[in-house]
Amino acid sequence: MPIINVKMTHEDGGATKEQKELLAKELTEAFVKIFNRGEKTCVVTIDEVPMDNYAIGGETITNIRNKKK
């Protein structure tokens, strides 16, 4: 069973339910098209990571975003 895992920062209230559903639907459709496998076997998980728990170059995303404001 294929598992597609999406990790993204939780920003501006996070992704909406509708956005997550559309993302899962379109990732599944792409998987089916590319690998010619049934959609019922494809699992999509979406993990939203708080910006304080995600860093680039030793700096949290929160600090990076605040500098750009």
PDB file of N, CA and C in Angstrom:
ATOM      1  N   MET A   1       0.846  -1.169   0.000  1.00  0.00           N
ATOM      2  CA  MET A   1       0.000   0.000   0.000  1.00  0.00           C
ATOM      3  C   MET A   1       0.894   1.236   0.000  1.00  0.00           C
ATOM      4  N   PRO A   2       0.772   2.086  -1.008  1.00  0.00           N
ATOM      5  CA  PRO A   2       1.570   3.312  -1.049  1.00  0.00           C
ATOM      6  C   PRO A   2       1.052   4.333  -0.034  1.00  0.00           C
ATOM      7  N   ILE A   3       2.002   5.038   0.571  1.00  0.00           N
ATOM      8  CA  ILE A   3       1.660   6.117   1.495  1.00  0.00           C
ATOM      9  C   ILE A   3       2.379   7.374   1.016  1.00  0.00           C
ATOM     10  N   ILE A   4       1.619   8.394   0.718  1.00  0.00           N
ATOM     11  CA  ILE A   4       2.176   9.684   0.334  1.00  0.00           C
ATOM     12  C   ILE A   4       2.062  10.583   1.560  1.00  0.00           C
ATOM     13  N   ASN A   5       3.201  11.055   2.072  1.00  0.00           N
ATOM     14  CA  ASN A   5       3.203  11.892   3.265  1.00  0.00           C
ATOM     15  C   ASN A   5       3.624  13.306   2.892  1.00  0.00           C
ATOM     16  N   VAL A   6       2.777  14.260   3.216  1.00  0.00           N
ATOM     17  CA  VAL A   6       3.050  15.663   2.954  1.00  0.00           C
ATOM     18  C   VAL A   6       3.336  16.333   4.285  1.00  0.00           C
ATOM     19  N   LYS A   7       4.472  16.997   4.381  1.00  0.00           N
ATOM     20  CA  LYS A   7       4.801  17.791   5.569  1.00  0.00           C
ATOM     21  C   LYS A   7       4.885  19.239   5.131  1.00  0.00           C
ATOM     22  N   MET A   8       4.199  20.093   5.887  1.00  0.00           N
ATOM     23  CA  MET A   8       4.191  21.511   5.542  1.00  0.00           C
ATOM     24  C   MET A   8       4.083  22.329   6.817  1.00  0.00           C
ATOM     25  N   THR A   9       4.540  23.578   6.751  1.00  0.00           N
ATOM     26  CA  THR A   9       4.415  24.429   7.922  1.00  0.00           C
ATOM     27  C   THR A   9       2.963  24.834   8.128  1.00  0.00           C
ATOM     28  N   HIS A  10       2.600  24.958   9.385  1.00  0.00           N
ATOM     29  CA  HIS A  10       1.264  25.410   9.774  1.00  0.00           C
ATOM     30  C   HIS A  10       1.323  26.926   9.877  1.00  0.00           C
ATOM     31  N   GLU A  11       0.838  27.599   8.842  1.00  0.00           N
ATOM     32  CA  GLU A  11       0.916  29.055   8.780  1.00  0.00           C
ATOM     33  C   GLU A  11      -0.460  29.654   8.560  1.00  0.00           C
ATOM     34  N   ASP A  12      -0.665  30.834   9.087  1.00  0.00           N
ATOM     35  CA  ASP A  12      -1.911  31.587   8.863  1.00  0.00           C
ATOM     36  C   ASP A  12      -3.151  30.746   9.144  1.00  0.00           C
ATOM     37  N   GLY A  13      -3.143  30.003  10.238  1.00  0.00           N
ATOM     38  CA  GLY A  13      -4.293  29.176  10.593  1.00  0.00           C
ATOM     39  C   GLY A  13      -4.267  27.788   9.985  1.00  0.00           C
ATOM     40  N   GLY A  14      -3.283  27.496   9.151  1.00  0.00           N
ATOM     41  CA  GLY A  14      -3.145  26.174   8.554  1.00  0.00           C
ATOM     42  C   GLY A  14      -4.020  25.980   7.330  1.00  0.00           C
ATOM     43  N   ALA A  15      -3.852  24.849   6.707  1.00  0.00           N
ATOM     44  CA  ALA A  15      -4.649  24.514   5.527  1.00  0.00           C
ATOM     45  C   ALA A  15      -6.083  24.227   5.942  1.00  0.00           C
ATOM     46  N   THR A  16      -7.009  24.607   5.097  1.00  0.00           N
ATOM     47  CA  THR A  16      -8.415  24.335   5.391  1.00  0.00           C
ATOM     48  C   THR A  16      -8.727  22.871   5.093  1.00  0.00           C
ATOM     49  N   LYS A  17      -9.846  22.428   5.600  1.00  0.00           N
ATOM     50  CA  LYS A  17     -10.315  21.066   5.323  1.00  0.00           C
ATOM     51  C   LYS A  17     -10.451  20.862   3.820  1.00  0.00           C
ATOM     52  N   GLU A  18     -10.992  21.873   3.135  1.00  0.00           N
ATOM     53  CA  GLU A  18     -11.188  21.779   1.686  1.00  0.00           C
ATOM     54  C   GLU A  18      -9.848  21.695   0.947  1.00  0.00           C
ATOM     55  N   GLN A  19      -8.869  22.473   1.378  1.00  0.00           N
ATOM     56  CA  GLN A  19      -7.547  22.415   0.749  1.00  0.00           C
ATOM     57  C   GLN A  19      -6.905  21.041   0.936  1.00  0.00           C
ATOM     58  N   LYS A  20      -7.031  20.492   2.136  1.00  0.00           N
ATOM     59  CA  LYS A  20      -6.462  19.163   2.413  1.00  0.00           C
ATOM     60  C   LYS A  20      -7.154  18.094   1.569  1.00  0.00           C
ATOM     61  N   GLU A  21      -8.464  18.184   1.448  1.00  0.00           N
ATOM     62  CA  GLU A  21      -9.202  17.213   0.636  1.00  0.00           C
ATOM     63  C   GLU A  21      -8.789  17.303  -0.834  1.00  0.00           C
ATOM     64  N   LEU A  22      -8.641  18.517  -1.353  1.00  0.00           N
ATOM     65  CA  LEU A  22      -8.231  18.699  -2.745  1.00  0.00           C
ATOM     66  C   LEU A  22      -6.807  18.188  -2.958  1.00  0.00           C
ATOM     67  N   LEU A  23      -5.918  18.481  -2.019  1.00  0.00           N
ATOM     68  CA  LEU A  23      -4.541  17.995  -2.120  1.00  0.00           C
ATOM     69  C   LEU A  23      -4.514  16.468  -2.147  1.00  0.00           C
ATOM     70  N   ALA A  24      -5.231  15.834  -1.229  1.00  0.00           N
ATOM     71  CA  ALA A  24      -5.282  14.368  -1.186  1.00  0.00           C
ATOM     72  C   ALA A  24      -5.851  13.797  -2.479  1.00  0.00           C
ATOM     73  N   LYS A  25      -6.911  14.417  -2.991  1.00  0.00           N
ATOM     74  CA  LYS A  25      -7.547  13.949  -4.229  1.00  0.00           C
ATOM     75  C   LYS A  25      -6.582  14.040  -5.405  1.00  0.00           C
ATOM     76  N   GLU A  26      -5.917  15.195  -5.541  1.00  0.00           N
ATOM     77  CA  GLU A  26      -5.041  15.376  -6.697  1.00  0.00           C
ATOM     78  C   GLU A  26      -3.753  14.563  -6.593  1.00  0.00           C
ATOM     79  N   LEU A  27      -3.223  14.380  -5.397  1.00  0.00           N
ATOM     80  CA  LEU A  27      -2.051  13.508  -5.239  1.00  0.00           C
ATOM     81  C   LEU A  27      -2.417  12.067  -5.585  1.00  0.00           C
ATOM     82  N   THR A  28      -3.598  11.641  -5.147  1.00  0.00           N
ATOM     83  CA  THR A  28      -4.056  10.286  -5.464  1.00  0.00           C
ATOM     84  C   THR A  28      -4.230  10.113  -6.967  1.00  0.00           C
ATOM     85  N   GLU A  29      -4.837  11.101  -7.619  1.00  0.00           N
ATOM     86  CA  GLU A  29      -5.028  11.030  -9.074  1.00  0.00           C
ATOM     87  C   GLU A  29      -3.684  10.962  -9.800  1.00  0.00           C
ATOM     88  N   ALA A  30      -2.712  11.731  -9.350  1.00  0.00           N
ATOM     89  CA  ALA A  30      -1.380  11.695  -9.968  1.00  0.00           C
ATOM     90  C   ALA A  30      -0.738  10.330  -9.773  1.00  0.00           C
ATOM     91  N   PHE A  31      -0.867   9.768  -8.586  1.00  0.00           N
ATOM     92  CA  PHE A  31      -0.307   8.450  -8.308  1.00  0.00           C
ATOM     93  C   PHE A  31      -0.924   7.397  -9.228  1.00  0.00           C
ATOM     94  N   VAL A  32      -2.247   7.415  -9.337  1.00  0.00           N
ATOM     95  CA  VAL A  32      -2.954   6.445 -10.185  1.00  0.00           C
ATOM     96  C   VAL A  32      -2.498   6.587 -11.635  1.00  0.00           C
ATOM     97  N   LYS A  33      -2.392   7.815 -12.119  1.00  0.00           N
ATOM     98  CA  LYS A  33      -1.985   8.064 -13.506  1.00  0.00           C
ATOM     99  C   LYS A  33      -0.556   7.591 -13.775  1.00  0.00           C
ATOM    100  N   ILE A  34       0.348   7.901 -12.874  1.00  0.00           N
ATOM    101  CA  ILE A  34       1.767   7.585 -13.083  1.00  0.00           C
ATOM    102  C   ILE A  34       2.068   6.100 -12.891  1.00  0.00           C
ATOM    103  N   PHE A  35       1.469   5.485 -11.860  1.00  0.00           N
ATOM    104  CA  PHE A  35       1.812   4.100 -11.530  1.00  0.00           C
ATOM    105  C   PHE A  35       0.764   3.076 -11.971  1.00  0.00           C
ATOM    106  N   ASN A  36      -0.363   3.579 -12.515  1.00  0.00           N
ATOM    107  CA  ASN A  36      -1.422   2.686 -12.986  1.00  0.00           C
ATOM    108  C   ASN A  36      -1.875   1.712 -11.896  1.00  0.00           C
ATOM    109  N   ARG A  37      -2.055   2.252 -10.691  1.00  0.00           N
ATOM    110  CA  ARG A  37      -2.530   1.460  -9.556  1.00  0.00           C
ATOM    111  C   ARG A  37      -3.879   2.013  -9.119  1.00  0.00           C
ATOM    112  N   GLY A  38      -4.637   1.218  -8.441  1.00  0.00           N
ATOM    113  CA  GLY A  38      -5.961   1.631  -7.988  1.00  0.00           C
ATOM    114  C   GLY A  38      -5.918   2.696  -6.912  1.00  0.00           C
ATOM    115  N   GLU A  39      -6.864   3.614  -6.975  1.00  0.00           N
ATOM    116  CA  GLU A  39      -6.902   4.704  -6.006  1.00  0.00           C
ATOM    117  C   GLU A  39      -7.220   4.227  -4.594  1.00  0.00           C
ATOM    118  N   LYS A  40      -7.888   3.088  -4.471  1.00  0.00           N
ATOM    119  CA  LYS A  40      -8.265   2.584  -3.145  1.00  0.00           C
ATOM    120  C   LYS A  40      -7.059   2.094  -2.348  1.00  0.00           C
ATOM    121  N   THR A  41      -5.906   1.947  -3.008  1.00  0.00           N
ATOM    122  CA  THR A  41      -4.716   1.484  -2.293  1.00  0.00           C
ATOM    123  C   THR A  41      -3.833   2.638  -1.831  1.00  0.00           C
ATOM    124  N   CYS A  42      -4.152   3.855  -2.234  1.00  0.00           N
ATOM    125  CA  CYS A  42      -3.289   5.013  -1.984  1.00  0.00           C
ATOM    126  C   CYS A  42      -3.722   5.759  -0.717  1.00  0.00           C
ATOM    127  N   VAL A  43      -2.790   5.893   0.211  1.00  0.00           N
ATOM    128  CA  VAL A  43      -3.040   6.611   1.456  1.00  0.00           C
ATOM    129  C   VAL A  43      -2.272   7.932   1.408  1.00  0.00           C
ATOM    130  N   VAL A  44      -2.930   9.029   1.770  1.00  0.00           N
ATOM    131  CA  VAL A  44      -2.282  10.333   1.841  1.00  0.00           C
ATOM    132  C   VAL A  44      -2.387  10.834   3.279  1.00  0.00           C
ATOM    133  N   THR A  45      -1.252  11.209   3.856  1.00  0.00           N
ATOM    134  CA  THR A  45      -1.254  11.823   5.179  1.00  0.00           C
ATOM    135  C   THR A  45      -0.687  13.232   5.052  1.00  0.00           C
ATOM    136  N   ILE A  46      -1.244  14.139   5.837  1.00  0.00           N
ATOM    137  CA  ILE A  46      -0.800  15.529   5.806  1.00  0.00           C
ATOM    138  C   ILE A  46      -0.421  15.931   7.230  1.00  0.00           C
ATOM    139  N   ASP A  47       0.839  16.296   7.405  1.00  0.00           N
ATOM    140  CA  ASP A  47       1.340  16.745   8.707  1.00  0.00           C
ATOM    141  C   ASP A  47       1.657  18.226   8.627  1.00  0.00           C
ATOM    142  N   GLU A  48       1.003  18.998   9.460  1.00  0.00           N
ATOM    143  CA  GLU A  48       1.308  20.421   9.534  1.00  0.00           C
ATOM    144  C   GLU A  48       2.220  20.643  10.739  1.00  0.00           C
ATOM    145  N   VAL A  49       3.389  21.180  10.478  1.00  0.00           N
ATOM    146  CA  VAL A  49       4.410  21.364  11.496  1.00  0.00           C
ATOM    147  C   VAL A  49       4.372  22.820  11.979  1.00  0.00           C
ATOM    148  N   PRO A  50       4.255  23.036  13.292  1.00  0.00           N
ATOM    149  CA  PRO A  50       4.295  24.404  13.794  1.00  0.00           C
ATOM    150  C   PRO A  50       5.593  25.100  13.365  1.00  0.00           C
ATOM    151  N   MET A  51       5.496  26.379  13.058  1.00  0.00           N
ATOM    152  CA  MET A  51       6.659  27.104  12.538  1.00  0.00           C
ATOM    153  C   MET A  51       7.807  27.178  13.540  1.00  0.00           C
ATOM    154  N   ASP A  52       7.500  27.041  14.832  1.00  0.00           N
ATOM    155  CA  ASP A  52       8.571  27.017  15.827  1.00  0.00           C
ATOM    156  C   ASP A  52       9.269  25.655  15.884  1.00  0.00           C
ATOM    157  N   ASN A  53       8.702  24.654  15.251  1.00  0.00           N
ATOM    158  CA  ASN A  53       9.287  23.311  15.235  1.00  0.00           C
ATOM    159  C   ASN A  53       9.980  22.992  13.917  1.00  0.00           C
ATOM    160  N   TYR A  54      10.202  23.992  13.096  1.00  0.00           N
ATOM    161  CA  TYR A  54      10.786  23.805  11.769  1.00  0.00           C
ATOM    162  C   TYR A  54      11.801  24.915  11.567  1.00  0.00           C
ATOM    163  N   ALA A  55      13.037  24.545  11.265  1.00  0.00           N
ATOM    164  CA  ALA A  55      14.101  25.542  11.127  1.00  0.00           C
ATOM    165  C   ALA A  55      14.891  25.317   9.851  1.00  0.00           C
ATOM    166  N   ILE A  56      15.391  26.414   9.312  1.00  0.00           N
ATOM    167  CA  ILE A  56      16.285  26.381   8.157  1.00  0.00           C
ATOM    168  C   ILE A  56      17.529  27.168   8.545  1.00  0.00           C
ATOM    169  N   GLY A  57      18.682  26.571   8.355  1.00  0.00           N
ATOM    170  CA  GLY A  57      19.920  27.266   8.697  1.00  0.00           C
ATOM    171  C   GLY A  57      20.013  27.623  10.166  1.00  0.00           C
ATOM    172  N   GLY A  58      19.402  26.820  11.012  1.00  0.00           N
ATOM    173  CA  GLY A  58      19.461  27.049  12.448  1.00  0.00           C
ATOM    174  C   GLY A  58      18.488  28.092  12.963  1.00  0.00           C
ATOM    175  N   GLU A  59      17.596  28.563  12.117  1.00  0.00           N
ATOM    176  CA  GLU A  59      16.639  29.586  12.521  1.00  0.00           C
ATOM    177  C   GLU A  59      15.224  29.089  12.255  1.00  0.00           C
ATOM    178  N   THR A  60      14.329  29.289  13.228  1.00  0.00           N
ATOM    179  CA  THR A  60      12.958  28.819  13.050  1.00  0.00           C
ATOM    180  C   THR A  60      12.258  29.595  11.943  1.00  0.00           C
ATOM    181  N   ILE A  61      11.277  28.956  11.360  1.00  0.00           N
ATOM    182  CA  ILE A  61      10.483  29.598  10.309  1.00  0.00           C
ATOM    183  C   ILE A  61       9.772  30.831  10.868  1.00  0.00           C
ATOM    184  N   THR A  62       9.346  30.763  12.137  1.00  0.00           N
ATOM    185  CA  THR A  62       8.712  31.923  12.762  1.00  0.00           C
ATOM    186  C   THR A  62       9.632  33.133  12.684  1.00  0.00           C
ATOM    187  N   ASN A  63      10.891  32.967  13.072  1.00  0.00           N
ATOM    188  CA  ASN A  63      11.839  34.086  13.034  1.00  0.00           C
ATOM    189  C   ASN A  63      12.109  34.549  11.606  1.00  0.00           C
ATOM    190  N   ILE A  64      12.245  33.619  10.680  1.00  0.00           N
ATOM    191  CA  ILE A  64      12.480  33.984   9.287  1.00  0.00           C
ATOM    192  C   ILE A  64      11.312  34.787   8.739  1.00  0.00           C
ATOM    193  N   ARG A  65      10.082  34.339   8.999  1.00  0.00           N
ATOM    194  CA  ARG A  65       8.886  35.039   8.504  1.00  0.00           C
ATOM    195  C   ARG A  65       8.770  36.426   9.143  1.00  0.00           C
ATOM    196  N   ASN A  66       9.086  36.527  10.438  1.00  0.00           N
ATOM    197  CA  ASN A  66       8.994  37.816  11.123  1.00  0.00           C
ATOM    198  C   ASN A  66       9.975  38.830  10.563  1.00  0.00           C
ATOM    199  N   LYS A  67      11.134  38.383  10.123  1.00  0.00           N
ATOM    200  CA  LYS A  67      12.143  39.287   9.539  1.00  0.00           C
ATOM    201  C   LYS A  67      11.674  39.865   8.204  1.00  0.00           C
ATOM    202  N   LYS A  68      10.835  39.112   7.491  1.00  0.00           N
ATOM    203  CA  LYS A  68      10.370  39.541   6.166  1.00  0.00           C
ATOM    204  C   LYS A  68       9.243  40.566   6.260  1.00  0.00           C
ATOM    205  N   LYS A  69       8.659  40.741   7.433  1.00  0.00           N
ATOM    206  CA  LYS A  69       7.521  41.670   7.589  1.00  0.00           C
ATOM    207  C   LYS A  69       7.967  43.096   7.624  1.00  0.00           C
TER     208      LYS A  69
END
